[in-house]
């Protein structure tokens, strides 16, 4: 009976690992992917799926990223390869991505876009909870 319990525990832990956020997302991320696929991956990675239609696609992801001001040099080109230059151009300071590996650059872009998304969410909450006398929203 102890073996069955241990085996069940191992299977449960493995199944839990497969359902963790990012585990399937990381498998979807690869160098040479299209800009549209990268945009869709990024939306999932930052947890913004609820801001898009249930069956969102690359165009929806690109539209969302454009709305928050995240646009690579030359604009989004859904079917073109996401190059390291295009990735670096998504950063606040693109020169910071000049000599980074693909993985390091993706992490830096992810961190930057996550920060933008989080700040937008906080800004919305702050406006909704502000009092009329709040100087931040007085026009």
C-alpha atoms as a PDB file:
ATOM      1  CA  UNK A   1       0.000   0.000   0.000  1.00  0.00           C
ATOM      2  CA  UNK A   2       2.874   2.372   0.673  1.00  0.00           C
ATOM      3  CA  UNK A   3       4.204   1.927  -2.882  1.00  0.00           C
ATOM      4  CA  UNK A   4       0.836   2.890  -4.302  1.00  0.00           C
ATOM      5  CA  UNK A   5       0.751   6.008  -2.151  1.00  0.00           C
ATOM      6  CA  UNK A   6       4.266   7.014  -3.221  1.00  0.00           C
ATOM      7  CA  UNK A   7       3.497   6.319  -6.886  1.00  0.00           C
ATOM      8  CA  UNK A   8       0.301   8.344  -6.647  1.00  0.00           C
ATOM      9  CA  UNK A   9       2.206  11.200  -5.001  1.00  0.00           C
ATOM     10  CA  UNK A  10       4.829  11.233  -7.747  1.00  0.00           C
ATOM     11  CA  UNK A  11       2.178  11.223 -10.470  1.00  0.00           C
ATOM     12  CA  UNK A  12       0.288  13.999  -8.715  1.00  0.00           C
ATOM     13  CA  UNK A  13       3.449  16.128  -8.414  1.00  0.00           C
ATOM     14  CA  UNK A  14       4.270  15.579 -12.090  1.00  0.00           C
ATOM     15  CA  UNK A  15       0.743  16.529 -13.139  1.00  0.00           C
ATOM     16  CA  UNK A  16       0.963  19.642 -10.959  1.00  0.00           C
ATOM     17  CA  UNK A  17       4.220  20.680 -12.624  1.00  0.00           C
ATOM     18  CA  UNK A  18       2.595  20.399 -16.041  1.00  0.00           C
ATOM     19  CA  UNK A  19      -0.169  22.794 -15.022  1.00  0.00           C
ATOM     20  CA  UNK A  20       2.058  25.533 -13.584  1.00  0.00           C
ATOM     21  CA  UNK A  21       1.889  28.869 -15.429  1.00  0.00           C
ATOM     22  CA  UNK A  22       4.682  29.246 -17.903  1.00  0.00           C
ATOM     23  CA  UNK A  23       5.466  25.549 -18.326  1.00  0.00           C
ATOM     24  CA  UNK A  24       3.490  25.252 -21.560  1.00  0.00           C
ATOM     25  CA  UNK A  25       4.264  28.857 -22.466  1.00  0.00           C
ATOM     26  CA  UNK A  26       7.997  28.221 -22.421  1.00  0.00           C
ATOM     27  CA  UNK A  27       7.527  25.314 -24.825  1.00  0.00           C
ATOM     28  CA  UNK A  28       5.739  27.654 -27.234  1.00  0.00           C
ATOM     29  CA  UNK A  29       8.592  30.183 -27.191  1.00  0.00           C
ATOM     30  CA  UNK A  30      11.364  29.660 -29.703  1.00  0.00           C
ATOM     31  CA  UNK A  31      13.808  31.708 -31.703  1.00  0.00           C
ATOM     32  CA  UNK A  32      12.586  32.167 -35.271  1.00  0.00           C
ATOM     33  CA  UNK A  33       8.895  32.390 -34.316  1.00  0.00           C
ATOM     34  CA  UNK A  34       6.690  34.967 -36.007  1.00  0.00           C
ATOM     35  CA  UNK A  35       5.995  38.341 -34.445  1.00  0.00           C
ATOM     36  CA  UNK A  36       2.330  37.390 -34.187  1.00  0.00           C
ATOM     37  CA  UNK A  37       3.108  34.189 -32.311  1.00  0.00           C
ATOM     38  CA  UNK A  38       5.506  36.061 -30.048  1.00  0.00           C
ATOM     39  CA  UNK A  39       2.825  38.670 -29.292  1.00  0.00           C
ATOM     40  CA  UNK A  40       0.349  35.912 -28.391  1.00  0.00           C
ATOM     41  CA  UNK A  41       2.957  34.222 -26.177  1.00  0.00           C
ATOM     42  CA  UNK A  42       3.699  37.527 -24.466  1.00  0.00           C
ATOM     43  CA  UNK A  43       0.012  38.157 -23.711  1.00  0.00           C
ATOM     44  CA  UNK A  44      -0.221  34.751 -22.041  1.00  0.00           C
ATOM     45  CA  UNK A  45       3.070  35.241 -20.192  1.00  0.00           C
ATOM     46  CA  UNK A  46       2.026  38.567 -18.635  1.00  0.00           C
ATOM     47  CA  UNK A  47      -1.410  37.217 -17.747  1.00  0.00           C
ATOM     48  CA  UNK A  48      -3.423  39.572 -19.947  1.00  0.00           C
ATOM     49  CA  UNK A  49      -5.655  36.945 -21.601  1.00  0.00           C
ATOM     50  CA  UNK A  50      -8.717  38.285 -19.773  1.00  0.00           C
ATOM     51  CA  UNK A  51      -8.316  41.572 -21.654  1.00  0.00           C
ATOM     52  CA  UNK A  52      -8.769  39.790 -25.002  1.00  0.00           C
ATOM     53  CA  UNK A  53     -11.501  37.660 -26.597  1.00  0.00           C
ATOM     54  CA  UNK A  54     -11.611  34.045 -25.318  1.00  0.00           C
ATOM     55  CA  UNK A  55     -10.141  32.581 -28.509  1.00  0.00           C
ATOM     56  CA  UNK A  56      -7.698  35.407 -29.173  1.00  0.00           C
ATOM     57  CA  UNK A  57      -5.133  35.149 -31.916  1.00  0.00           C
ATOM     58  CA  UNK A  58      -1.960  36.942 -32.955  1.00  0.00           C
ATOM     59  CA  UNK A  59      -3.833  39.967 -34.355  1.00  0.00           C
ATOM     60  CA  UNK A  60      -5.693  40.467 -31.070  1.00  0.00           C
ATOM     61  CA  UNK A  61      -2.422  40.208 -29.158  1.00  0.00           C
ATOM     62  CA  UNK A  62      -0.737  42.704 -31.465  1.00  0.00           C
ATOM     63  CA  UNK A  63      -3.645  45.135 -31.090  1.00  0.00           C
ATOM     64  CA  UNK A  64      -3.454  44.905 -27.302  1.00  0.00           C
ATOM     65  CA  UNK A  65       0.317  45.432 -27.229  1.00  0.00           C
ATOM     66  CA  UNK A  66      -0.073  48.381 -29.595  1.00  0.00           C
ATOM     67  CA  UNK A  67      -2.703  49.908 -27.291  1.00  0.00           C
ATOM     68  CA  UNK A  68      -0.319  49.788 -24.338  1.00  0.00           C
ATOM     69  CA  UNK A  69       2.399  51.395 -26.455  1.00  0.00           C
ATOM     70  CA  UNK A  70       4.542  48.353 -27.116  1.00  0.00           C
ATOM     71  CA  UNK A  71       5.433  48.492 -30.807  1.00  0.00           C
ATOM     72  CA  UNK A  72       8.672  47.251 -32.368  1.00  0.00           C
ATOM     73  CA  UNK A  73      10.565  49.452 -34.824  1.00  0.00           C
ATOM     74  CA  UNK A  74       8.741  49.334 -38.147  1.00  0.00           C
ATOM     75  CA  UNK A  75       5.495  48.232 -36.472  1.00  0.00           C
ATOM     76  CA  UNK A  76       4.173  44.761 -35.832  1.00  0.00           C
ATOM     77  CA  UNK A  77       4.380  42.398 -38.803  1.00  0.00           C
ATOM     78  CA  UNK A  78       2.349  39.367 -37.816  1.00  0.00           C
ATOM     79  CA  UNK A  79       3.952  36.880 -40.223  1.00  0.00           C
ATOM     80  CA  UNK A  80       7.553  38.097 -40.052  1.00  0.00           C
ATOM     81  CA  UNK A  81      10.192  36.557 -37.812  1.00  0.00           C
ATOM     82  CA  UNK A  82      10.669  38.041 -34.362  1.00  0.00           C
ATOM     83  CA  UNK A  83      14.328  38.981 -34.564  1.00  0.00           C
ATOM     84  CA  UNK A  84      16.585  40.078 -31.741  1.00  0.00           C
ATOM     85  CA  UNK A  85      16.540  43.605 -33.229  1.00  0.00           C
ATOM     86  CA  UNK A  86      12.725  43.672 -33.146  1.00  0.00           C
ATOM     87  CA  UNK A  87      12.796  42.345 -29.573  1.00  0.00           C
ATOM     88  CA  UNK A  88      15.327  44.940 -28.453  1.00  0.00           C
ATOM     89  CA  UNK A  89      13.204  47.702 -29.977  1.00  0.00           C
ATOM     90  CA  UNK A  90      10.404  46.779 -27.549  1.00  0.00           C
ATOM     91  CA  UNK A  91      12.577  47.839 -24.620  1.00  0.00           C
ATOM     92  CA  UNK A  92      12.454  51.289 -23.068  1.00  0.00           C
ATOM     93  CA  UNK A  93      16.159  51.592 -23.909  1.00  0.00           C
ATOM     94  CA  UNK A  94      16.717  49.367 -26.983  1.00  0.00           C
ATOM     95  CA  UNK A  95      20.497  49.717 -26.733  1.00  0.00           C
ATOM     96  CA  UNK A  96      20.362  47.645 -23.525  1.00  0.00           C
ATOM     97  CA  UNK A  97      19.441  44.609 -25.612  1.00  0.00           C
ATOM     98  CA  UNK A  98      22.284  44.948 -28.106  1.00  0.00           C
ATOM     99  CA  UNK A  99      24.531  42.104 -26.932  1.00  0.00           C
ATOM    100  CA  UNK A 100      22.035  39.881 -25.128  1.00  0.00           C
ATOM    101  CA  UNK A 101      21.232  36.295 -26.044  1.00  0.00           C
ATOM    102  CA  UNK A 102      17.745  35.455 -27.314  1.00  0.00           C
ATOM    103  CA  UNK A 103      16.695  34.069 -23.915  1.00  0.00           C
ATOM    104  CA  UNK A 104      18.073  37.035 -21.963  1.00  0.00           C
ATOM    105  CA  UNK A 105      16.455  39.482 -24.373  1.00  0.00           C
ATOM    106  CA  UNK A 106      13.097  37.710 -24.144  1.00  0.00           C
ATOM    107  CA  UNK A 107      13.314  37.891 -20.334  1.00  0.00           C
ATOM    108  CA  UNK A 108      14.146  41.603 -20.456  1.00  0.00           C
ATOM    109  CA  UNK A 109      11.243  42.288 -22.865  1.00  0.00           C
ATOM    110  CA  UNK A 110       8.897  40.197 -20.721  1.00  0.00           C
ATOM    111  CA  UNK A 111       9.921  42.145 -17.583  1.00  0.00           C
ATOM    112  CA  UNK A 112       9.421  45.471 -19.369  1.00  0.00           C
ATOM    113  CA  UNK A 113       5.992  44.604 -20.811  1.00  0.00           C
ATOM    114  CA  UNK A 114       4.878  43.068 -17.508  1.00  0.00           C
ATOM    115  CA  UNK A 115       5.804  46.333 -15.781  1.00  0.00           C
ATOM    116  CA  UNK A 116       3.806  48.363 -18.331  1.00  0.00           C
ATOM    117  CA  UNK A 117       0.802  46.054 -17.948  1.00  0.00           C
ATOM    118  CA  UNK A 118       0.972  46.115 -14.138  1.00  0.00           C
ATOM    119  CA  UNK A 119       1.285  49.915 -14.090  1.00  0.00           C
ATOM    120  CA  UNK A 120      -1.757  50.245 -16.357  1.00  0.00           C
ATOM    121  CA  UNK A 121      -3.774  48.010 -14.029  1.00  0.00           C
ATOM    122  CA  UNK A 122      -2.666  50.027 -10.995  1.00  0.00           C
ATOM    123  CA  UNK A 123      -3.497  53.271 -12.775  1.00  0.00           C
ATOM    124  CA  UNK A 124      -7.037  52.040 -13.465  1.00  0.00           C
ATOM    125  CA  UNK A 125      -7.525  51.019  -9.844  1.00  0.00           C
ATOM    126  CA  UNK A 126      -6.145  54.324  -8.571  1.00  0.00           C
ATOM    127  CA  UNK A 127      -8.523  56.342 -10.739  1.00  0.00           C
ATOM    128  CA  UNK A 128     -11.561  54.311  -9.678  1.00  0.00           C
ATOM    129  CA  UNK A 129     -10.760  54.607  -5.993  1.00  0.00           C
ATOM    130  CA  UNK A 130      -9.736  58.284  -6.004  1.00  0.00           C
ATOM    131  CA  UNK A 131     -11.804  60.908  -4.244  1.00  0.00           C
ATOM    132  CA  UNK A 132     -12.941  64.061  -6.099  1.00  0.00           C
ATOM    133  CA  UNK A 133     -10.377  66.092  -4.141  1.00  0.00           C
ATOM    134  CA  UNK A 134      -7.519  63.899  -5.343  1.00  0.00           C
ATOM    135  CA  UNK A 135      -5.059  66.220  -7.135  1.00  0.00           C
ATOM    136  CA  UNK A 136      -3.809  63.401  -9.391  1.00  0.00           C
ATOM    137  CA  UNK A 137      -7.065  63.281 -11.324  1.00  0.00           C
ATOM    138  CA  UNK A 138      -8.125  66.909 -11.117  1.00  0.00           C
ATOM    139  CA  UNK A 139      -8.197  68.438 -14.592  1.00  0.00           C
END
